N, C-alpha and C. Protein backbone atom coordinates (compact mmCIF):
# COMPACT_ATOMS: atom_id res chain seq x y z
N UNK A 1 -46.54 -27.84 -24.31
CA UNK A 1 -47.06 -27.41 -23.15
C UNK A 1 -47.23 -25.83 -23.12
N UNK A 2 -48.45 -25.38 -22.74
CA UNK A 2 -48.80 -24.03 -22.88
C UNK A 2 -48.89 -23.44 -21.54
N UNK A 3 -48.38 -22.33 -21.34
CA UNK A 3 -48.46 -21.53 -20.04
C UNK A 3 -49.80 -20.61 -20.17
N UNK A 4 -50.50 -20.78 -19.26
CA UNK A 4 -51.65 -19.92 -19.02
C UNK A 4 -51.13 -18.51 -18.49
N UNK A 5 -51.89 -17.43 -18.72
CA UNK A 5 -51.56 -16.12 -18.34
C UNK A 5 -51.36 -16.12 -16.71
N UNK A 6 -52.26 -16.67 -16.02
CA UNK A 6 -52.12 -16.54 -14.50
C UNK A 6 -50.95 -17.28 -14.00
N UNK A 7 -50.51 -18.38 -14.55
CA UNK A 7 -49.35 -19.02 -14.22
C UNK A 7 -48.19 -18.29 -14.50
N UNK A 8 -48.19 -17.69 -15.79
CA UNK A 8 -46.98 -16.73 -16.10
C UNK A 8 -46.83 -15.62 -15.19
N UNK A 9 -47.98 -15.01 -14.71
CA UNK A 9 -47.89 -13.86 -13.91
C UNK A 9 -47.39 -14.26 -12.59
N UNK A 10 -47.81 -15.48 -11.99
CA UNK A 10 -47.42 -16.10 -10.79
C UNK A 10 -45.92 -16.31 -10.77
N UNK A 11 -45.31 -16.83 -11.87
CA UNK A 11 -43.95 -17.18 -11.94
C UNK A 11 -43.12 -15.81 -11.96
N UNK A 12 -43.62 -14.73 -12.62
CA UNK A 12 -42.82 -13.63 -12.66
C UNK A 12 -42.85 -12.99 -11.23
N UNK A 13 -43.95 -13.02 -10.57
CA UNK A 13 -43.99 -12.53 -9.07
C UNK A 13 -43.11 -13.25 -8.28
N UNK A 14 -43.00 -14.56 -8.35
CA UNK A 14 -42.22 -15.42 -7.59
C UNK A 14 -40.77 -15.17 -7.86
N UNK A 15 -40.27 -14.97 -9.02
CA UNK A 15 -38.89 -14.57 -9.35
C UNK A 15 -38.69 -13.29 -8.97
N UNK A 16 -39.51 -12.34 -9.00
CA UNK A 16 -39.30 -11.04 -8.53
C UNK A 16 -39.13 -10.93 -7.01
N UNK A 17 -39.90 -11.66 -6.23
CA UNK A 17 -39.80 -11.71 -4.83
C UNK A 17 -38.58 -12.33 -4.47
N UNK A 18 -38.00 -13.41 -5.07
CA UNK A 18 -36.65 -14.02 -4.88
C UNK A 18 -35.64 -13.06 -5.08
N UNK A 19 -35.76 -12.40 -6.14
CA UNK A 19 -34.64 -11.28 -6.56
C UNK A 19 -34.68 -10.04 -5.49
N UNK A 20 -35.80 -9.73 -4.97
CA UNK A 20 -35.79 -8.66 -4.14
C UNK A 20 -35.14 -9.16 -2.71
N UNK A 21 -35.52 -10.33 -2.27
CA UNK A 21 -34.97 -10.87 -1.15
C UNK A 21 -33.50 -10.94 -1.27
N UNK A 22 -32.96 -11.56 -2.37
CA UNK A 22 -31.59 -11.66 -2.50
C UNK A 22 -30.79 -10.33 -2.45
N UNK A 23 -31.43 -9.28 -3.02
CA UNK A 23 -30.76 -8.00 -2.95
C UNK A 23 -30.89 -7.52 -1.67
N UNK A 24 -32.03 -7.55 -0.88
CA UNK A 24 -32.07 -7.17 0.49
C UNK A 24 -31.08 -7.79 1.33
N UNK A 25 -30.85 -9.10 1.23
CA UNK A 25 -29.73 -9.90 2.09
C UNK A 25 -28.45 -9.42 1.75
N UNK A 26 -28.02 -9.34 0.40
CA UNK A 26 -26.78 -9.04 0.06
C UNK A 26 -26.51 -7.50 -0.08
N UNK A 27 -27.40 -6.72 0.00
CA UNK A 27 -27.16 -5.26 -0.12
C UNK A 27 -26.20 -4.64 0.89
N UNK A 28 -26.44 -5.05 2.17
CA UNK A 28 -25.61 -4.38 3.26
C UNK A 28 -24.13 -4.86 3.03
N UNK A 29 -23.83 -6.17 2.69
CA UNK A 29 -22.54 -6.60 2.62
C UNK A 29 -21.80 -5.89 1.37
N UNK A 30 -22.55 -5.80 0.26
CA UNK A 30 -21.92 -5.05 -0.83
C UNK A 30 -21.59 -3.58 -0.50
N UNK A 31 -22.55 -2.95 0.19
CA UNK A 31 -22.26 -1.61 0.67
C UNK A 31 -21.15 -1.47 1.50
N UNK A 32 -20.96 -2.42 2.57
CA UNK A 32 -19.85 -2.36 3.45
C UNK A 32 -18.48 -2.51 2.55
N UNK A 33 -18.49 -3.42 1.59
CA UNK A 33 -17.30 -3.63 0.83
C UNK A 33 -17.02 -2.47 0.10
N UNK A 34 -18.13 -1.72 -0.46
CA UNK A 34 -17.80 -0.49 -1.30
C UNK A 34 -17.25 0.58 -0.50
N UNK A 35 -17.73 0.61 0.70
CA UNK A 35 -17.28 1.73 1.75
C UNK A 35 -15.79 1.63 2.08
N UNK A 36 -15.48 0.26 2.42
CA UNK A 36 -14.16 -0.05 2.71
C UNK A 36 -13.18 -0.05 1.65
N UNK A 37 -13.63 0.13 0.44
CA UNK A 37 -12.81 -0.17 -0.75
C UNK A 37 -12.16 -1.36 -0.82
N UNK A 38 -12.96 -2.45 -0.55
CA UNK A 38 -12.42 -3.82 -0.48
C UNK A 38 -11.56 -4.13 -1.74
N UNK A 39 -10.46 -4.51 -1.51
CA UNK A 39 -9.61 -5.00 -2.61
C UNK A 39 -8.93 -6.26 -2.21
N UNK A 40 -8.58 -7.13 -3.20
CA UNK A 40 -7.98 -8.38 -2.74
C UNK A 40 -6.64 -8.16 -2.07
N UNK A 41 -6.21 -8.82 -1.02
CA UNK A 41 -4.96 -8.57 -0.35
C UNK A 41 -3.70 -8.68 -1.31
N UNK A 42 -2.81 -7.87 -1.17
CA UNK A 42 -1.68 -7.73 -2.01
C UNK A 42 -0.79 -8.95 -1.90
N UNK A 43 -0.27 -9.50 -3.00
CA UNK A 43 0.65 -10.53 -3.01
C UNK A 43 2.03 -10.11 -2.74
N UNK A 44 2.66 -10.69 -1.84
CA UNK A 44 4.01 -10.17 -1.53
C UNK A 44 4.95 -10.70 -2.67
N UNK A 45 5.71 -9.78 -3.16
CA UNK A 45 6.59 -10.03 -4.41
C UNK A 45 8.00 -9.79 -4.08
N UNK A 46 8.96 -10.29 -4.75
CA UNK A 46 10.35 -9.97 -4.67
C UNK A 46 10.84 -9.56 -5.93
N UNK A 47 11.86 -8.66 -6.01
CA UNK A 47 12.51 -8.32 -7.24
C UNK A 47 13.47 -9.51 -7.66
N UNK A 48 13.47 -9.66 -8.97
CA UNK A 48 14.41 -10.70 -9.61
C UNK A 48 15.56 -9.95 -10.26
N UNK A 49 16.69 -10.64 -10.08
CA UNK A 49 17.96 -10.23 -10.80
C UNK A 49 18.47 -11.35 -11.65
N UNK A 50 19.14 -10.93 -12.68
CA UNK A 50 19.72 -11.95 -13.69
C UNK A 50 21.04 -12.35 -13.12
N UNK A 51 21.34 -13.67 -13.04
CA UNK A 51 22.52 -14.12 -12.64
C UNK A 51 23.66 -13.76 -13.69
N UNK A 52 24.74 -13.21 -13.18
CA UNK A 52 25.92 -12.96 -14.02
C UNK A 52 26.44 -13.97 -14.87
N UNK A 53 26.48 -15.20 -14.33
CA UNK A 53 27.12 -16.34 -15.12
C UNK A 53 26.15 -17.10 -16.08
N UNK A 54 24.87 -17.52 -15.43
CA UNK A 54 24.09 -18.42 -16.26
C UNK A 54 22.82 -17.52 -16.94
N UNK A 55 22.57 -16.42 -16.41
CA UNK A 55 21.43 -15.58 -16.92
C UNK A 55 20.15 -15.88 -16.41
N UNK A 56 20.07 -16.85 -15.51
CA UNK A 56 18.79 -17.29 -14.84
C UNK A 56 18.32 -16.14 -13.80
N UNK A 57 17.11 -15.93 -13.83
CA UNK A 57 16.52 -14.91 -12.94
C UNK A 57 16.28 -15.50 -11.53
N UNK A 58 16.76 -14.87 -10.45
CA UNK A 58 16.72 -15.31 -9.07
C UNK A 58 16.20 -14.12 -8.23
N UNK A 59 15.64 -14.52 -7.00
CA UNK A 59 15.34 -13.50 -6.03
C UNK A 59 16.48 -12.71 -5.67
N UNK A 60 16.32 -11.36 -5.43
CA UNK A 60 17.54 -10.51 -5.03
C UNK A 60 18.21 -10.97 -3.82
N UNK A 61 17.61 -11.55 -2.87
CA UNK A 61 18.16 -11.89 -1.53
C UNK A 61 18.40 -13.42 -1.51
N UNK A 62 18.24 -14.12 -2.53
CA UNK A 62 18.42 -15.61 -2.64
C UNK A 62 19.86 -16.11 -2.43
N UNK A 63 20.22 -17.10 -1.74
CA UNK A 63 21.60 -17.54 -1.64
C UNK A 63 22.10 -18.11 -3.05
N UNK A 64 23.32 -18.26 -3.06
CA UNK A 64 23.96 -18.86 -4.32
C UNK A 64 23.49 -20.33 -4.67
N UNK A 65 23.74 -20.67 -5.86
CA UNK A 65 23.38 -22.13 -6.22
C UNK A 65 24.60 -23.07 -5.98
N UNK A 66 24.49 -24.13 -6.57
CA UNK A 66 25.56 -25.13 -6.28
C UNK A 66 26.61 -25.07 -7.28
N UNK A 67 26.54 -24.21 -8.31
CA UNK A 67 27.67 -24.04 -9.31
C UNK A 67 28.94 -23.66 -8.70
N UNK A 68 30.00 -24.04 -9.09
CA UNK A 68 31.23 -23.37 -8.44
C UNK A 68 31.57 -22.08 -8.91
N UNK A 69 31.13 -21.69 -10.12
CA UNK A 69 31.34 -20.35 -10.52
C UNK A 69 30.21 -19.20 -10.31
N UNK A 70 29.30 -19.66 -9.29
CA UNK A 70 28.16 -18.79 -9.00
C UNK A 70 28.55 -17.55 -8.14
N UNK A 71 28.25 -16.35 -8.69
CA UNK A 71 28.77 -15.01 -7.96
C UNK A 71 28.13 -14.70 -6.94
N UNK A 72 26.98 -15.40 -6.49
CA UNK A 72 26.15 -15.08 -5.27
C UNK A 72 26.75 -15.80 -4.12
N UNK A 73 26.74 -15.07 -2.92
CA UNK A 73 27.21 -15.90 -1.83
C UNK A 73 26.19 -16.93 -1.25
N UNK A 74 26.90 -18.03 -0.64
CA UNK A 74 26.08 -19.15 -0.16
C UNK A 74 25.61 -18.88 1.16
């Protein structure tokens, strides 16, 4: 299948028009995000501490486990 020159030029013009419309539609949105310094929301995180008995890492404010020798309050 051979492409003729006019068909090739037509396809290039159509793809260029689609690209221009895409940029025109999405341009203001990208500009607003750039101005706002859009960053993904921060993920809330907690510090972990090692358990003195078993060595497992747990959240700093977590209650104690079911072990009888757990040093953390229940």
